[in-house]
Amino acid sequence: MQVNSLKPFSSITGLHVVHSAFLCLVCASLFFTPRFAQASIQNTTTFNATVPFTCSFSGGSDLVSMDYTRSGSTGIMLGTSESLLISSNQVPRINVSLNTLLAPSGISFRGIWIRSDSTNRYIKSKTSSSYSNSPVSTILQPSDLRSNGYVSGLPYGVKLTVSANLSNSFPNDEYRFQVVLTCLEP
């Protein structure tokens, strides 16, 4: 009888072990089952970029010799630079300033001319009949350049011509002029 009394006990214990294992599996499934959360954590990063305006000059002449011609009591100086290349990612505005650096005698007329290499036409000029040595300035507008064949992104050649009329000139007098080009955004 003892064997019979052990049998029900072991079957009860086996049932108890099966029931405990089942409860463990149910609890584990509650903890480890993937669930969709109502709230989520996000991070959004936005990247912005702007292409900057670029403009550069290359070539040209650092020093241009001017020819001198005498006509009566006045002298005329004239010089033209080598081709100067303008490169820009947009059609720029270009400020052109003619500065008188050295003038031992009065200058009755000064001027700057900008000529396009591609069209062989003068794009713009600016002159002054003032005896003062103040700068002579002008701005090449994008429309001035476009109408003379300027294309963004491609090098564009120009030549600079400077002229000056001297009311009184003496041998060995030295005159010096400087042209400053500045690229400006359109």
N, C-alpha and C. Protein backbone atom coordinates (compact mmCIF):
# COMPACT_ATOMS: atom_id res chain seq x y z
N MET A 1 0.81 -1.18 0.00
CA MET A 1 0.00 0.00 0.00
C MET A 1 0.86 1.25 0.00
N GLN A 2 1.94 1.06 0.49
CA GLN A 2 2.79 2.21 0.47
C GLN A 2 3.10 2.60 -0.96
N VAL A 3 3.23 1.66 -1.80
CA VAL A 3 3.53 1.97 -3.19
C VAL A 3 2.37 2.74 -3.78
N ASN A 4 1.16 2.31 -3.45
CA ASN A 4 -0.01 3.02 -3.97
C ASN A 4 -0.10 4.43 -3.37
N SER A 5 0.26 4.54 -2.12
CA SER A 5 0.17 5.87 -1.52
C SER A 5 1.25 6.81 -2.08
N LEU A 6 2.35 6.23 -2.55
CA LEU A 6 3.37 7.07 -3.16
C LEU A 6 2.98 7.51 -4.57
N LYS A 7 2.28 6.71 -5.25
CA LYS A 7 1.90 7.00 -6.61
C LYS A 7 1.04 8.25 -6.71
N PRO A 8 -0.02 8.37 -5.89
CA PRO A 8 -0.79 9.59 -5.97
C PRO A 8 0.03 10.79 -5.55
N PHE A 9 0.92 10.61 -4.58
CA PHE A 9 1.73 11.73 -4.15
C PHE A 9 2.65 12.21 -5.29
N SER A 10 3.26 11.28 -5.99
CA SER A 10 4.14 11.66 -7.08
C SER A 10 3.37 12.26 -8.24
N SER A 11 2.16 11.80 -8.49
CA SER A 11 1.38 12.39 -9.57
C SER A 11 0.92 13.78 -9.18
N ILE A 12 0.67 14.00 -7.91
CA ILE A 12 0.30 15.33 -7.46
C ILE A 12 1.52 16.24 -7.56
N THR A 13 2.69 15.74 -7.19
CA THR A 13 3.91 16.52 -7.28
C THR A 13 4.22 16.81 -8.74
N GLY A 14 4.06 15.86 -9.62
CA GLY A 14 4.30 16.08 -11.06
C GLY A 14 3.36 17.13 -11.60
N LEU A 15 2.09 17.09 -11.15
CA LEU A 15 1.13 18.09 -11.59
C LEU A 15 1.53 19.45 -11.05
N HIS A 16 1.99 19.47 -9.83
CA HIS A 16 2.44 20.71 -9.22
C HIS A 16 3.65 21.29 -9.98
N VAL A 17 4.58 20.45 -10.38
CA VAL A 17 5.76 20.88 -11.14
C VAL A 17 5.34 21.39 -12.52
N VAL A 18 4.42 20.71 -13.16
CA VAL A 18 3.94 21.13 -14.48
C VAL A 18 3.23 22.47 -14.34
N HIS A 19 2.41 22.62 -13.31
CA HIS A 19 1.69 23.87 -13.09
C HIS A 19 2.66 25.02 -12.81
N SER A 20 3.71 24.77 -12.00
CA SER A 20 4.70 25.80 -11.70
C SER A 20 5.49 26.20 -12.97
N ALA A 21 5.84 25.23 -13.76
CA ALA A 21 6.56 25.51 -15.00
C ALA A 21 5.68 26.32 -15.95
N PHE A 22 4.40 26.01 -16.01
CA PHE A 22 3.48 26.75 -16.86
C PHE A 22 3.38 28.20 -16.40
N LEU A 23 3.26 28.42 -15.09
CA LEU A 23 3.19 29.78 -14.56
C LEU A 23 4.47 30.55 -14.87
N CYS A 24 5.62 29.88 -14.79
CA CYS A 24 6.89 30.55 -15.11
C CYS A 24 6.94 30.96 -16.57
N LEU A 25 6.47 30.10 -17.45
CA LEU A 25 6.43 30.43 -18.88
C LEU A 25 5.49 31.60 -19.16
N VAL A 26 4.34 31.61 -18.51
CA VAL A 26 3.38 32.70 -18.71
C VAL A 26 4.00 34.02 -18.22
N CYS A 27 4.62 33.99 -17.05
CA CYS A 27 5.25 35.21 -16.53
C CYS A 27 6.39 35.67 -17.43
N ALA A 28 7.20 34.73 -17.89
CA ALA A 28 8.31 35.09 -18.77
C ALA A 28 7.79 35.68 -20.07
N SER A 29 6.69 35.14 -20.59
CA SER A 29 6.15 35.66 -21.85
C SER A 29 5.60 37.07 -21.66
N LEU A 30 5.10 37.38 -20.48
CA LEU A 30 4.62 38.73 -20.22
C LEU A 30 5.77 39.73 -20.23
N PHE A 31 6.93 39.33 -19.72
CA PHE A 31 8.08 40.23 -19.66
C PHE A 31 8.84 40.33 -20.98
N PHE A 32 8.93 39.24 -21.70
CA PHE A 32 9.79 39.20 -22.90
C PHE A 32 9.04 39.25 -24.22
N THR A 33 7.75 39.41 -24.20
CA THR A 33 6.99 39.51 -25.44
C THR A 33 7.13 40.93 -25.97
N PRO A 34 7.51 41.08 -27.28
CA PRO A 34 7.63 42.43 -27.83
C PRO A 34 6.26 43.11 -27.83
N ARG A 35 6.25 44.36 -27.45
CA ARG A 35 5.01 45.13 -27.41
C ARG A 35 5.24 46.46 -28.12
N PHE A 36 4.22 47.00 -28.67
CA PHE A 36 4.29 48.32 -29.29
C PHE A 36 4.01 49.36 -28.22
N ALA A 37 4.92 50.31 -28.12
CA ALA A 37 4.77 51.34 -27.11
C ALA A 37 3.91 52.47 -27.66
N GLN A 38 3.18 53.07 -26.81
CA GLN A 38 2.34 54.19 -27.20
C GLN A 38 3.19 55.43 -27.48
N ALA A 39 4.24 55.67 -26.73
CA ALA A 39 5.12 56.82 -26.90
C ALA A 39 6.42 56.36 -27.52
N SER A 40 7.02 57.23 -28.34
CA SER A 40 8.29 56.88 -28.94
C SER A 40 9.26 58.03 -28.75
N ILE A 41 10.53 57.73 -28.84
CA ILE A 41 11.57 58.74 -28.72
C ILE A 41 12.16 58.94 -30.10
N GLN A 42 12.18 60.19 -30.57
CA GLN A 42 12.71 60.49 -31.89
C GLN A 42 13.73 61.62 -31.79
N ASN A 43 14.62 61.63 -32.75
CA ASN A 43 15.56 62.73 -32.89
C ASN A 43 15.61 63.07 -34.36
N THR A 44 15.33 64.30 -34.70
CA THR A 44 15.37 64.75 -36.09
C THR A 44 16.44 65.83 -36.21
N THR A 45 17.35 65.66 -37.16
CA THR A 45 18.39 66.64 -37.41
C THR A 45 18.27 67.10 -38.85
N THR A 46 18.22 68.40 -39.06
CA THR A 46 18.10 68.97 -40.40
C THR A 46 19.44 69.62 -40.77
N PHE A 47 19.90 69.36 -41.97
CA PHE A 47 21.15 69.92 -42.46
C PHE A 47 20.82 70.93 -43.56
N ASN A 48 21.36 72.13 -43.45
CA ASN A 48 21.18 73.17 -44.45
C ASN A 48 22.54 73.55 -45.02
N ALA A 49 22.55 73.91 -46.28
CA ALA A 49 23.79 74.37 -46.90
C ALA A 49 23.47 75.46 -47.90
N THR A 50 24.36 76.41 -48.01
CA THR A 50 24.25 77.48 -48.99
C THR A 50 25.56 77.54 -49.77
N VAL A 51 25.44 77.55 -51.08
CA VAL A 51 26.63 77.66 -51.92
C VAL A 51 27.10 79.11 -51.86
N PRO A 52 28.32 79.35 -51.41
CA PRO A 52 28.79 80.74 -51.30
C PRO A 52 29.15 81.33 -52.67
N PHE A 53 29.06 82.63 -52.74
CA PHE A 53 29.47 83.35 -53.95
C PHE A 53 31.00 83.30 -54.01
N THR A 54 31.52 82.95 -55.17
CA THR A 54 32.97 82.95 -55.35
C THR A 54 33.31 83.77 -56.59
N CYS A 55 34.41 84.45 -56.52
CA CYS A 55 34.88 85.25 -57.64
C CYS A 55 36.38 85.40 -57.51
N SER A 56 37.08 85.28 -58.62
CA SER A 56 38.54 85.45 -58.58
C SER A 56 39.02 86.05 -59.90
N PHE A 57 40.22 86.60 -59.83
CA PHE A 57 40.88 87.17 -61.00
C PHE A 57 42.19 86.43 -61.21
N SER A 58 42.58 86.23 -62.44
CA SER A 58 43.88 85.62 -62.73
C SER A 58 44.41 86.20 -64.04
N GLY A 59 45.70 86.05 -64.20
CA GLY A 59 46.32 86.59 -65.41
C GLY A 59 46.46 88.10 -65.31
N GLY A 60 46.34 88.75 -66.43
CA GLY A 60 46.48 90.21 -66.46
C GLY A 60 47.93 90.62 -66.36
N SER A 61 48.13 91.87 -66.02
CA SER A 61 49.48 92.43 -65.93
C SER A 61 49.62 93.12 -64.59
N ASP A 62 50.73 92.84 -63.91
CA ASP A 62 51.01 93.56 -62.67
C ASP A 62 51.54 94.96 -62.96
N LEU A 63 52.25 95.07 -64.07
CA LEU A 63 52.82 96.36 -64.44
C LEU A 63 52.62 96.56 -65.94
N VAL A 64 52.01 97.68 -66.31
CA VAL A 64 51.76 98.00 -67.71
C VAL A 64 52.53 99.26 -68.05
N SER A 65 53.32 99.19 -69.11
CA SER A 65 54.02 100.38 -69.59
C SER A 65 53.06 101.20 -70.44
N MET A 66 53.02 102.48 -70.15
CA MET A 66 52.14 103.37 -70.90
C MET A 66 52.97 104.10 -71.97
N ASP A 67 52.39 104.22 -73.15
CA ASP A 67 53.03 104.99 -74.22
C ASP A 67 52.73 106.47 -74.00
N TYR A 68 53.67 107.30 -74.42
CA TYR A 68 53.52 108.75 -74.29
C TYR A 68 53.60 109.38 -75.67
N THR A 69 52.63 110.23 -75.95
CA THR A 69 52.61 110.97 -77.21
C THR A 69 52.40 112.45 -76.89
N ARG A 70 53.17 113.30 -77.53
CA ARG A 70 53.04 114.74 -77.30
C ARG A 70 52.20 115.32 -78.43
N SER A 71 51.27 116.17 -78.04
CA SER A 71 50.41 116.84 -79.02
C SER A 71 50.29 118.31 -78.61
N GLY A 72 51.10 119.17 -79.23
CA GLY A 72 51.11 120.59 -78.85
C GLY A 72 51.69 120.74 -77.45
N SER A 73 50.93 121.37 -76.58
CA SER A 73 51.42 121.59 -75.21
C SER A 73 50.95 120.49 -74.25
N THR A 74 50.21 119.52 -74.74
CA THR A 74 49.74 118.43 -73.87
C THR A 74 50.39 117.11 -74.25
N GLY A 75 50.44 116.26 -73.28
CA GLY A 75 50.94 114.91 -73.52
C GLY A 75 49.84 113.90 -73.22
N ILE A 76 49.84 112.80 -73.95
CA ILE A 76 48.83 111.76 -73.76
C ILE A 76 49.54 110.46 -73.40
N MET A 77 49.14 109.87 -72.30
CA MET A 77 49.65 108.55 -71.88
C MET A 77 48.54 107.53 -72.08
N LEU A 78 48.93 106.36 -72.60
CA LEU A 78 47.95 105.31 -72.86
C LEU A 78 48.60 103.96 -72.64
N GLY A 79 47.91 103.07 -71.93
CA GLY A 79 48.42 101.72 -71.69
C GLY A 79 47.28 100.73 -71.61
N THR A 80 47.53 99.51 -72.12
CA THR A 80 46.52 98.45 -72.09
C THR A 80 47.13 97.20 -71.45
N SER A 81 46.40 96.59 -70.57
CA SER A 81 46.87 95.40 -69.86
C SER A 81 46.77 94.16 -70.73
N GLU A 82 47.43 93.10 -70.27
CA GLU A 82 47.21 91.78 -70.85
C GLU A 82 45.81 91.32 -70.42
N SER A 83 45.34 90.24 -71.02
CA SER A 83 44.01 89.74 -70.68
C SER A 83 43.95 89.30 -69.22
N LEU A 84 42.91 89.74 -68.54
CA LEU A 84 42.65 89.41 -67.14
C LEU A 84 41.42 88.53 -67.13
N LEU A 85 41.52 87.36 -66.49
CA LEU A 85 40.39 86.43 -66.45
C LEU A 85 39.59 86.61 -65.17
N ILE A 86 38.27 86.69 -65.34
CA ILE A 86 37.34 86.76 -64.21
C ILE A 86 36.63 85.42 -64.15
N SER A 87 36.66 84.77 -62.99
CA SER A 87 35.96 83.49 -62.80
C SER A 87 35.02 83.63 -61.61
N SER A 88 33.76 83.26 -61.82
CA SER A 88 32.77 83.39 -60.76
C SER A 88 31.66 82.37 -60.97
N ASN A 89 31.03 81.95 -59.86
CA ASN A 89 29.93 81.00 -59.98
C ASN A 89 28.58 81.71 -60.20
N GLN A 90 28.58 83.03 -60.28
CA GLN A 90 27.42 83.84 -60.66
C GLN A 90 27.94 84.98 -61.52
N VAL A 91 27.05 85.64 -62.24
CA VAL A 91 27.48 86.82 -62.99
C VAL A 91 27.63 87.94 -61.95
N PRO A 92 28.86 88.39 -61.71
CA PRO A 92 29.09 89.34 -60.61
C PRO A 92 28.86 90.79 -61.02
N ARG A 93 28.89 91.65 -60.02
CA ARG A 93 29.09 93.08 -60.22
C ARG A 93 30.57 93.30 -59.96
N ILE A 94 31.19 94.19 -60.71
CA ILE A 94 32.62 94.44 -60.50
C ILE A 94 32.83 95.94 -60.36
N ASN A 95 33.37 96.30 -59.21
CA ASN A 95 33.73 97.70 -58.99
C ASN A 95 35.11 97.94 -59.61
N VAL A 96 35.22 98.98 -60.41
CA VAL A 96 36.47 99.33 -61.08
C VAL A 96 36.86 100.73 -60.60
N SER A 97 38.07 100.83 -60.06
CA SER A 97 38.53 102.12 -59.54
C SER A 97 39.91 102.43 -60.10
N LEU A 98 40.05 103.60 -60.71
CA LEU A 98 41.32 104.09 -61.23
C LEU A 98 41.87 105.08 -60.22
N ASN A 99 43.02 104.75 -59.64
CA ASN A 99 43.65 105.60 -58.64
C ASN A 99 44.92 106.22 -59.21
N THR A 100 45.13 107.49 -58.96
CA THR A 100 46.37 108.16 -59.35
C THR A 100 47.31 108.07 -58.16
N LEU A 101 48.42 107.34 -58.33
CA LEU A 101 49.37 107.15 -57.25
C LEU A 101 50.47 108.20 -57.25
N LEU A 102 50.87 108.63 -58.45
CA LEU A 102 51.95 109.60 -58.57
C LEU A 102 51.68 110.51 -59.76
N ALA A 103 51.64 111.83 -59.50
CA ALA A 103 51.40 112.79 -60.57
C ALA A 103 52.14 114.08 -60.25
N PRO A 104 53.36 114.24 -60.77
CA PRO A 104 54.12 115.45 -60.47
C PRO A 104 53.53 116.72 -61.10
N SER A 105 52.77 116.58 -62.18
CA SER A 105 52.12 117.73 -62.83
C SER A 105 50.63 117.45 -62.94
N GLY A 106 49.87 118.48 -63.22
CA GLY A 106 48.41 118.32 -63.32
C GLY A 106 47.98 117.40 -64.45
N ILE A 107 46.95 116.65 -64.20
CA ILE A 107 46.36 115.75 -65.20
C ILE A 107 44.99 116.33 -65.54
N SER A 108 44.80 116.67 -66.82
CA SER A 108 43.54 117.30 -67.21
C SER A 108 42.45 116.29 -67.55
N PHE A 109 42.84 115.05 -67.79
CA PHE A 109 41.85 114.05 -68.18
C PHE A 109 42.40 112.68 -67.80
N ARG A 110 41.59 111.87 -67.17
CA ARG A 110 41.95 110.48 -66.87
C ARG A 110 40.77 109.59 -67.21
N GLY A 111 41.06 108.37 -67.59
CA GLY A 111 39.96 107.46 -67.89
C GLY A 111 40.39 106.01 -67.84
N ILE A 112 39.40 105.15 -67.60
CA ILE A 112 39.58 103.70 -67.60
C ILE A 112 38.54 103.11 -68.55
N TRP A 113 38.99 102.16 -69.39
CA TRP A 113 38.11 101.46 -70.32
C TRP A 113 38.27 99.97 -70.07
N ILE A 114 37.15 99.24 -70.06
CA ILE A 114 37.16 97.79 -69.88
C ILE A 114 36.61 97.17 -71.16
N ARG A 115 37.45 96.33 -71.80
CA ARG A 115 37.07 95.72 -73.07
C ARG A 115 36.96 94.21 -72.93
N SER A 116 35.92 93.63 -73.49
CA SER A 116 35.70 92.20 -73.49
C SER A 116 36.59 91.52 -74.53
N ASP A 117 37.28 90.45 -74.14
CA ASP A 117 38.07 89.68 -75.11
C ASP A 117 37.16 88.96 -76.10
N SER A 118 36.02 88.43 -75.61
CA SER A 118 35.17 87.61 -76.48
C SER A 118 34.45 88.42 -77.54
N THR A 119 34.01 89.64 -77.22
CA THR A 119 33.29 90.45 -78.21
C THR A 119 34.17 91.54 -78.81
N ASN A 120 35.36 91.77 -78.22
CA ASN A 120 36.28 92.83 -78.65
C ASN A 120 35.59 94.20 -78.67
N ARG A 121 34.67 94.38 -77.71
CA ARG A 121 33.97 95.66 -77.56
C ARG A 121 34.22 96.19 -76.16
N TYR A 122 34.17 97.51 -76.03
CA TYR A 122 34.27 98.10 -74.71
C TYR A 122 32.97 97.86 -73.96
N ILE A 123 33.11 97.32 -72.76
CA ILE A 123 31.94 97.05 -71.92
C ILE A 123 31.52 98.32 -71.19
N LYS A 124 32.51 99.02 -70.66
CA LYS A 124 32.22 100.20 -69.85
C LYS A 124 33.45 101.07 -69.78
N SER A 125 33.23 102.35 -69.56
CA SER A 125 34.34 103.27 -69.36
C SER A 125 33.91 104.34 -68.37
N LYS A 126 34.91 104.98 -67.80
CA LYS A 126 34.65 106.08 -66.87
C LYS A 126 35.80 107.05 -67.00
N THR A 127 35.48 108.34 -67.16
CA THR A 127 36.52 109.37 -67.32
C THR A 127 36.27 110.51 -66.34
N SER A 128 37.31 111.31 -66.17
CA SER A 128 37.21 112.50 -65.32
C SER A 128 38.04 113.61 -65.93
N SER A 129 37.47 114.79 -65.99
CA SER A 129 38.20 115.96 -66.47
C SER A 129 38.65 116.84 -65.31
N SER A 130 38.51 116.32 -64.12
CA SER A 130 38.89 117.07 -62.93
C SER A 130 40.41 117.05 -62.76
N TYR A 131 40.95 118.15 -62.28
CA TYR A 131 42.38 118.22 -62.01
C TYR A 131 42.74 117.56 -60.67
N SER A 132 41.73 117.18 -59.91
CA SER A 132 42.04 116.51 -58.63
C SER A 132 42.48 115.08 -58.91
N ASN A 133 43.16 114.50 -57.97
CA ASN A 133 43.63 113.13 -58.13
C ASN A 133 42.71 112.12 -57.44
N SER A 134 41.47 112.49 -57.25
CA SER A 134 40.53 111.56 -56.60
C SER A 134 40.26 110.38 -57.54
N PRO A 135 39.90 109.21 -56.96
CA PRO A 135 39.66 108.03 -57.79
C PRO A 135 38.54 108.23 -58.81
N VAL A 136 38.67 107.54 -59.92
CA VAL A 136 37.64 107.50 -60.94
C VAL A 136 37.08 106.09 -60.86
N SER A 137 35.79 105.96 -60.51
CA SER A 137 35.20 104.64 -60.27
C SER A 137 33.94 104.42 -61.07
N THR A 138 33.71 103.15 -61.38
CA THR A 138 32.47 102.73 -62.03
C THR A 138 32.19 101.29 -61.62
N ILE A 139 30.97 100.85 -61.85
CA ILE A 139 30.60 99.46 -61.53
C ILE A 139 30.10 98.78 -62.79
N LEU A 140 30.69 97.64 -63.08
CA LEU A 140 30.19 96.79 -64.17
C LEU A 140 29.01 96.01 -63.59
N GLN A 141 27.84 96.21 -64.12
CA GLN A 141 26.66 95.49 -63.66
C GLN A 141 26.60 94.12 -64.34
N PRO A 142 25.90 93.15 -63.73
CA PRO A 142 25.76 91.84 -64.38
C PRO A 142 25.22 91.94 -65.80
N SER A 143 24.31 92.89 -66.05
CA SER A 143 23.76 93.04 -67.41
C SER A 143 24.84 93.50 -68.40
N ASP A 144 25.79 94.34 -67.93
CA ASP A 144 26.91 94.75 -68.80
C ASP A 144 27.73 93.54 -69.22
N LEU A 145 27.97 92.64 -68.28
CA LEU A 145 28.78 91.45 -68.57
C LEU A 145 28.00 90.45 -69.43
N ARG A 146 26.73 90.19 -69.07
CA ARG A 146 25.92 89.23 -69.83
C ARG A 146 25.79 89.65 -71.29
N SER A 147 25.56 90.93 -71.53
CA SER A 147 25.36 91.40 -72.91
C SER A 147 26.65 91.33 -73.72
N ASN A 148 27.76 91.04 -73.05
CA ASN A 148 29.05 90.89 -73.74
C ASN A 148 29.59 89.47 -73.64
N GLY A 149 28.69 88.50 -73.43
CA GLY A 149 29.07 87.10 -73.52
C GLY A 149 29.53 86.43 -72.24
N TYR A 150 29.36 87.06 -71.09
CA TYR A 150 29.79 86.45 -69.83
C TYR A 150 28.88 85.27 -69.50
N VAL A 151 29.50 84.13 -69.13
CA VAL A 151 28.76 82.93 -68.72
C VAL A 151 29.28 82.52 -67.35
N SER A 152 28.36 82.34 -66.39
CA SER A 152 28.76 81.92 -65.04
C SER A 152 29.54 80.62 -65.09
N GLY A 153 30.57 80.54 -64.27
CA GLY A 153 31.35 79.31 -64.16
C GLY A 153 32.47 79.18 -65.17
N LEU A 154 32.50 80.03 -66.17
CA LEU A 154 33.56 79.98 -67.18
C LEU A 154 34.44 81.23 -67.05
N PRO A 155 35.74 81.08 -67.26
CA PRO A 155 36.62 82.27 -67.21
C PRO A 155 36.24 83.25 -68.32
N TYR A 156 36.25 84.52 -67.98
CA TYR A 156 35.87 85.58 -68.92
C TYR A 156 37.02 86.58 -68.98
N GLY A 157 37.53 86.83 -70.16
CA GLY A 157 38.69 87.70 -70.32
C GLY A 157 38.32 89.14 -70.62
N VAL A 158 39.02 90.05 -69.95
CA VAL A 158 38.87 91.49 -70.21
C VAL A 158 40.26 92.11 -70.27
N LYS A 159 40.33 93.25 -70.94
CA LYS A 159 41.56 94.06 -70.94
C LYS A 159 41.21 95.43 -70.38
N LEU A 160 42.14 95.98 -69.63
CA LEU A 160 41.96 97.30 -69.02
C LEU A 160 42.83 98.29 -69.77
N THR A 161 42.26 99.43 -70.12
CA THR A 161 43.02 100.50 -70.77
C THR A 161 42.91 101.75 -69.91
N VAL A 162 44.06 102.36 -69.64
CA VAL A 162 44.11 103.60 -68.87
C VAL A 162 44.71 104.68 -69.77
N SER A 163 44.08 105.86 -69.73
CA SER A 163 44.57 107.00 -70.50
C SER A 163 44.60 108.23 -69.60
N ALA A 164 45.58 109.09 -69.85
CA ALA A 164 45.68 110.34 -69.09
C ALA A 164 46.24 111.42 -70.00
N ASN A 165 45.67 112.61 -69.90
CA ASN A 165 46.16 113.78 -70.63
C ASN A 165 46.86 114.70 -69.64
N LEU A 166 48.07 115.09 -69.99
CA LEU A 166 48.85 115.96 -69.13
C LEU A 166 48.85 117.37 -69.70
N SER A 167 48.52 118.35 -68.87
CA SER A 167 48.52 119.73 -69.37
C SER A 167 49.93 120.27 -69.53
N ASN A 168 50.80 119.97 -68.62
CA ASN A 168 52.21 120.36 -68.72
C ASN A 168 53.03 119.14 -68.34
N SER A 169 53.92 118.75 -69.19
CA SER A 169 54.75 117.59 -68.85
C SER A 169 56.21 117.92 -69.12
N PHE A 170 57.04 117.32 -68.31
CA PHE A 170 58.48 117.56 -68.44
C PHE A 170 59.20 116.24 -68.60
N PRO A 171 60.34 116.23 -69.28
CA PRO A 171 61.08 114.98 -69.45
C PRO A 171 61.39 114.32 -68.10
N ASN A 172 61.30 113.03 -68.09
CA ASN A 172 61.59 112.18 -66.93
C ASN A 172 60.58 112.29 -65.79
N ASP A 173 59.48 113.00 -65.97
CA ASP A 173 58.42 112.99 -64.96
C ASP A 173 57.78 111.60 -64.97
N GLU A 174 57.59 111.05 -63.80
CA GLU A 174 57.00 109.71 -63.70
C GLU A 174 55.57 109.83 -63.16
N TYR A 175 54.67 109.17 -63.85
CA TYR A 175 53.26 109.11 -63.44
C TYR A 175 52.93 107.65 -63.15
N ARG A 176 52.10 107.43 -62.16
CA ARG A 176 51.74 106.06 -61.81
C ARG A 176 50.24 106.00 -61.49
N PHE A 177 49.59 105.01 -62.11
CA PHE A 177 48.16 104.80 -61.91
C PHE A 177 47.95 103.35 -61.48
N GLN A 178 46.87 103.15 -60.77
CA GLN A 178 46.54 101.79 -60.32
C GLN A 178 45.06 101.56 -60.57
N VAL A 179 44.74 100.38 -61.12
CA VAL A 179 43.35 100.00 -61.30
C VAL A 179 43.05 98.88 -60.30
N VAL A 180 41.99 99.07 -59.53
CA VAL A 180 41.58 98.08 -58.54
C VAL A 180 40.22 97.53 -58.96
N LEU A 181 40.15 96.21 -59.11
CA LEU A 181 38.89 95.54 -59.42
C LEU A 181 38.42 94.80 -58.18
N THR A 182 37.16 94.93 -57.87
CA THR A 182 36.59 94.25 -56.71
C THR A 182 35.34 93.52 -57.15
N CYS A 183 35.29 92.21 -56.91
CA CYS A 183 34.10 91.43 -57.22
C CYS A 183 33.06 91.64 -56.15
N LEU A 184 31.83 91.87 -56.55
CA LEU A 184 30.72 92.04 -55.62
C LEU A 184 29.61 91.08 -56.00
N GLU A 185 28.85 90.64 -55.01
CA GLU A 185 27.72 89.75 -55.31
C GLU A 185 26.72 90.50 -56.17
N PRO A 186 26.06 89.75 -57.06
CA PRO A 186 25.07 90.41 -57.95
C PRO A 186 23.92 91.03 -57.17
